N, C-alpha and C. Protein backbone atom coordinates (compact mmCIF):
# COMPACT_ATOMS: atom_id res chain seq x y z
N MET A 1 -103.40 53.75 202.52
CA MET A 1 -102.76 55.00 202.20
C MET A 1 -102.08 55.60 203.43
N LYS A 2 -102.69 55.44 204.59
CA LYS A 2 -102.14 56.05 205.79
C LYS A 2 -100.71 55.56 206.06
N THR A 3 -100.50 54.27 205.96
CA THR A 3 -99.17 53.71 206.19
C THR A 3 -98.17 54.21 205.15
N PHE A 4 -98.60 54.29 203.90
CA PHE A 4 -97.72 54.77 202.84
C PHE A 4 -97.32 56.22 203.10
N VAL A 5 -98.28 57.07 203.44
CA VAL A 5 -98.00 58.48 203.70
C VAL A 5 -97.07 58.62 204.90
N GLN A 6 -97.31 57.86 205.94
CA GLN A 6 -96.44 57.92 207.12
C GLN A 6 -95.00 57.52 206.75
N GLY A 7 -94.86 56.54 205.88
CA GLY A 7 -93.53 56.11 205.45
C GLY A 7 -92.81 57.16 204.64
N LYS A 8 -93.54 57.89 203.82
CA LYS A 8 -92.95 58.96 203.01
C LYS A 8 -92.70 60.22 203.82
N ASN A 9 -93.50 60.45 204.86
CA ASN A 9 -93.35 61.58 205.76
C ASN A 9 -93.25 62.93 205.03
N PRO A 10 -94.27 63.30 204.25
CA PRO A 10 -94.22 64.60 203.57
C PRO A 10 -94.18 65.75 204.58
N ARG A 11 -93.31 66.74 204.32
CA ARG A 11 -93.09 67.83 205.26
C ARG A 11 -94.05 68.99 205.09
N ASN A 12 -94.77 69.04 203.97
CA ASN A 12 -95.71 70.13 203.75
C ASN A 12 -96.82 69.65 202.82
N ASP A 13 -97.79 70.52 202.59
CA ASP A 13 -98.96 70.13 201.79
C ASP A 13 -98.59 69.81 200.34
N VAL A 14 -97.61 70.50 199.79
CA VAL A 14 -97.20 70.26 198.41
C VAL A 14 -96.57 68.87 198.29
N GLN A 15 -95.72 68.52 199.23
CA GLN A 15 -95.14 67.18 199.23
C GLN A 15 -96.22 66.12 199.46
N PHE A 16 -97.21 66.45 200.29
CA PHE A 16 -98.32 65.53 200.51
C PHE A 16 -99.08 65.30 199.21
N ALA A 17 -99.31 66.36 198.43
CA ALA A 17 -100.01 66.23 197.15
C ALA A 17 -99.24 65.30 196.22
N ALA A 18 -97.92 65.44 196.16
CA ALA A 18 -97.10 64.56 195.33
C ALA A 18 -97.18 63.12 195.84
N THR A 19 -97.21 62.94 197.15
CA THR A 19 -97.32 61.61 197.74
C THR A 19 -98.64 60.95 197.37
N VAL A 20 -99.72 61.71 197.43
CA VAL A 20 -101.04 61.18 197.07
C VAL A 20 -101.08 60.81 195.59
N ALA A 21 -100.52 61.67 194.74
CA ALA A 21 -100.49 61.38 193.30
C ALA A 21 -99.68 60.11 193.03
N TYR A 22 -98.54 59.96 193.70
CA TYR A 22 -97.70 58.77 193.54
C TYR A 22 -98.47 57.53 193.99
N PHE A 23 -99.12 57.62 195.13
CA PHE A 23 -99.88 56.49 195.65
C PHE A 23 -100.93 56.03 194.64
N HIS A 24 -101.68 56.99 194.11
CA HIS A 24 -102.75 56.63 193.17
C HIS A 24 -102.21 56.03 191.87
N ARG A 25 -101.02 56.42 191.48
CA ARG A 25 -100.47 55.92 190.22
C ARG A 25 -99.77 54.58 190.36
N PHE A 26 -99.05 54.38 191.47
CA PHE A 26 -98.18 53.21 191.57
C PHE A 26 -98.50 52.23 192.70
N VAL A 27 -99.14 52.67 193.76
CA VAL A 27 -99.27 51.85 194.96
C VAL A 27 -100.69 51.34 195.19
N ALA A 28 -101.67 52.10 194.82
CA ALA A 28 -103.08 51.73 195.05
C ALA A 28 -103.37 50.37 194.40
N PRO A 29 -104.38 49.67 194.89
CA PRO A 29 -104.76 48.42 194.24
C PRO A 29 -104.99 48.64 192.74
N ALA A 30 -104.60 47.68 191.95
CA ALA A 30 -104.60 47.83 190.48
C ALA A 30 -105.93 48.32 189.92
N ASP A 31 -107.03 47.88 190.49
CA ASP A 31 -108.33 48.28 189.94
C ASP A 31 -108.74 49.70 190.31
N THR A 32 -108.00 50.35 191.21
CA THR A 32 -108.32 51.73 191.59
C THR A 32 -107.24 52.72 191.20
N ARG A 33 -106.19 52.26 190.54
CA ARG A 33 -105.11 53.18 190.15
C ARG A 33 -105.59 54.18 189.12
N LYS A 34 -104.98 55.36 189.17
CA LYS A 34 -105.28 56.40 188.20
C LYS A 34 -104.01 57.20 187.94
N THR A 35 -103.86 57.70 186.73
CA THR A 35 -102.65 58.44 186.37
C THR A 35 -102.72 59.89 186.79
N GLU A 36 -103.93 60.42 186.98
CA GLU A 36 -104.10 61.82 187.37
C GLU A 36 -105.03 61.90 188.57
N ILE A 37 -104.80 62.93 189.41
CA ILE A 37 -105.68 63.16 190.55
C ILE A 37 -106.27 64.56 190.45
N ASN A 38 -107.35 64.77 191.19
CA ASN A 38 -107.96 66.09 191.26
C ASN A 38 -108.07 66.50 192.73
N LYS A 39 -108.69 67.65 192.96
CA LYS A 39 -108.79 68.17 194.33
C LYS A 39 -109.57 67.24 195.25
N ASP A 40 -110.56 66.54 194.71
CA ASP A 40 -111.33 65.61 195.54
C ASP A 40 -110.48 64.42 195.97
N ASP A 41 -109.62 63.93 195.08
CA ASP A 41 -108.70 62.84 195.43
C ASP A 41 -107.75 63.29 196.54
N LEU A 42 -107.30 64.54 196.45
CA LEU A 42 -106.38 65.06 197.47
C LEU A 42 -107.09 65.18 198.82
N GLN A 43 -108.32 65.66 198.83
CA GLN A 43 -109.07 65.76 200.09
C GLN A 43 -109.33 64.36 200.67
N GLU A 44 -109.66 63.41 199.80
CA GLU A 44 -109.86 62.03 200.26
C GLU A 44 -108.56 61.46 200.83
N GLY A 45 -107.44 61.83 200.21
CA GLY A 45 -106.14 61.42 200.74
C GLY A 45 -105.90 61.97 202.14
N CYS A 46 -106.30 63.21 202.37
CA CYS A 46 -106.20 63.79 203.71
C CYS A 46 -107.00 62.97 204.71
N ARG A 47 -108.22 62.64 204.33
CA ARG A 47 -109.09 61.87 205.21
C ARG A 47 -108.49 60.50 205.53
N LEU A 48 -108.04 59.80 204.49
CA LEU A 48 -107.49 58.46 204.67
C LEU A 48 -106.17 58.46 205.44
N ALA A 49 -105.40 59.53 205.30
CA ALA A 49 -104.10 59.61 205.97
C ALA A 49 -104.20 60.21 207.36
N GLY A 50 -105.39 60.67 207.74
CA GLY A 50 -105.56 61.25 209.06
C GLY A 50 -105.00 62.65 209.18
N ARG A 51 -104.95 63.37 208.07
CA ARG A 51 -104.47 64.76 208.06
C ARG A 51 -105.66 65.71 208.03
N ALA A 52 -105.41 66.93 208.47
CA ALA A 52 -106.45 67.96 208.40
C ALA A 52 -106.77 68.24 206.94
N ARG A 53 -108.04 68.50 206.66
CA ARG A 53 -108.45 68.80 205.28
C ARG A 53 -107.83 70.12 204.85
N LEU A 54 -107.51 70.21 203.58
CA LEU A 54 -106.90 71.41 203.02
C LEU A 54 -107.97 72.47 202.77
N LYS A 55 -107.63 73.73 202.99
CA LYS A 55 -108.59 74.82 202.75
C LYS A 55 -108.83 75.01 201.26
N ASN A 56 -107.79 74.87 200.46
CA ASN A 56 -107.92 75.05 199.01
C ASN A 56 -107.09 73.97 198.31
N PRO A 57 -107.63 72.77 198.18
CA PRO A 57 -106.84 71.67 197.62
C PRO A 57 -106.39 71.91 196.18
N TYR A 58 -107.20 72.61 195.38
CA TYR A 58 -106.77 72.90 194.01
C TYR A 58 -105.51 73.75 194.02
N GLN A 59 -105.46 74.75 194.90
CA GLN A 59 -104.27 75.61 194.98
C GLN A 59 -103.05 74.79 195.39
N THR A 60 -103.23 73.84 196.28
CA THR A 60 -102.11 72.97 196.68
C THR A 60 -101.59 72.18 195.48
N LEU A 61 -102.50 71.63 194.68
CA LEU A 61 -102.09 70.91 193.48
C LEU A 61 -101.38 71.85 192.50
N PHE A 62 -101.92 73.05 192.34
CA PHE A 62 -101.31 74.02 191.43
C PHE A 62 -99.93 74.43 191.92
N ASN A 63 -99.77 74.61 193.23
CA ASN A 63 -98.45 74.93 193.79
C ASN A 63 -97.46 73.80 193.55
N ALA A 64 -97.91 72.56 193.69
CA ALA A 64 -97.04 71.41 193.40
C ALA A 64 -96.64 71.41 191.93
N HIS A 65 -97.55 71.80 191.07
CA HIS A 65 -97.25 71.93 189.64
C HIS A 65 -96.20 73.03 189.43
N ASN A 66 -96.38 74.18 190.06
CA ASN A 66 -95.43 75.28 189.90
C ASN A 66 -94.04 74.92 190.41
N LEU A 67 -93.97 74.05 191.40
CA LEU A 67 -92.67 73.61 191.93
C LEU A 67 -92.08 72.46 191.13
N GLY A 68 -92.80 72.00 190.11
CA GLY A 68 -92.27 70.96 189.23
C GLY A 68 -92.52 69.53 189.70
N LEU A 69 -93.36 69.34 190.72
CA LEU A 69 -93.62 68.00 191.23
C LEU A 69 -94.73 67.28 190.48
N LEU A 70 -95.67 68.05 189.93
CA LEU A 70 -96.81 67.49 189.21
C LEU A 70 -96.93 68.14 187.85
N ASP A 71 -97.43 67.38 186.89
CA ASP A 71 -97.76 67.92 185.57
C ASP A 71 -99.25 68.21 185.54
N LYS A 72 -99.61 69.29 184.86
CA LYS A 72 -101.03 69.65 184.74
C LYS A 72 -101.61 68.93 183.54
N GLY A 73 -102.73 68.28 183.77
CA GLY A 73 -103.42 67.57 182.70
C GLY A 73 -104.64 68.34 182.26
N GLU A 74 -105.69 67.60 181.95
CA GLU A 74 -106.94 68.24 181.56
C GLU A 74 -107.51 69.00 182.75
N SER A 75 -108.58 69.68 182.54
CA SER A 75 -109.20 70.57 183.52
C SER A 75 -109.20 70.02 184.95
N GLY A 76 -108.38 70.63 185.80
CA GLY A 76 -108.36 70.27 187.21
C GLY A 76 -107.64 68.99 187.56
N LEU A 77 -106.96 68.37 186.60
CA LEU A 77 -106.26 67.11 186.84
C LEU A 77 -104.75 67.33 186.85
N PHE A 78 -104.08 66.58 187.71
CA PHE A 78 -102.63 66.68 187.84
C PHE A 78 -102.04 65.28 187.94
N ALA A 79 -100.85 65.10 187.37
CA ALA A 79 -100.19 63.80 187.36
C ALA A 79 -98.78 63.92 187.93
N ILE A 80 -98.36 62.92 188.66
CA ILE A 80 -97.00 62.88 189.18
C ILE A 80 -96.03 62.79 188.00
N ASN A 81 -94.89 63.47 188.11
CA ASN A 81 -93.87 63.38 187.07
C ASN A 81 -92.59 62.80 187.68
N SER A 82 -91.54 62.71 186.88
CA SER A 82 -90.31 62.07 187.36
C SER A 82 -89.67 62.85 188.51
N VAL A 83 -89.84 64.16 188.55
CA VAL A 83 -89.31 64.95 189.66
C VAL A 83 -90.10 64.63 190.93
N GLY A 84 -91.41 64.61 190.82
CA GLY A 84 -92.26 64.32 191.97
C GLY A 84 -92.11 62.91 192.49
N GLU A 85 -91.70 61.98 191.63
CA GLU A 85 -91.50 60.59 192.06
C GLU A 85 -90.33 60.46 193.02
N ASN A 86 -89.41 61.40 192.97
CA ASN A 86 -88.21 61.32 193.82
C ASN A 86 -88.40 62.04 195.07
């Protein structure tokens, strides 16, 4: 994940959230892929990418949703959408 995140070079936490969601959906090994992520996945993404942990990862996911990068799924879950893929 670290190499992938470095290649995408997200400029802020919201872009980082979209990057983590994209990684989990399309890039992760097939047996670990998931269509939706939660706040724990985002914090784990911070750890794996060598970034500082987020103070409120759920709020970061919600902000990415409000900006149109992620779709809100079931309770606390978010999925990358076509806008966030770009």
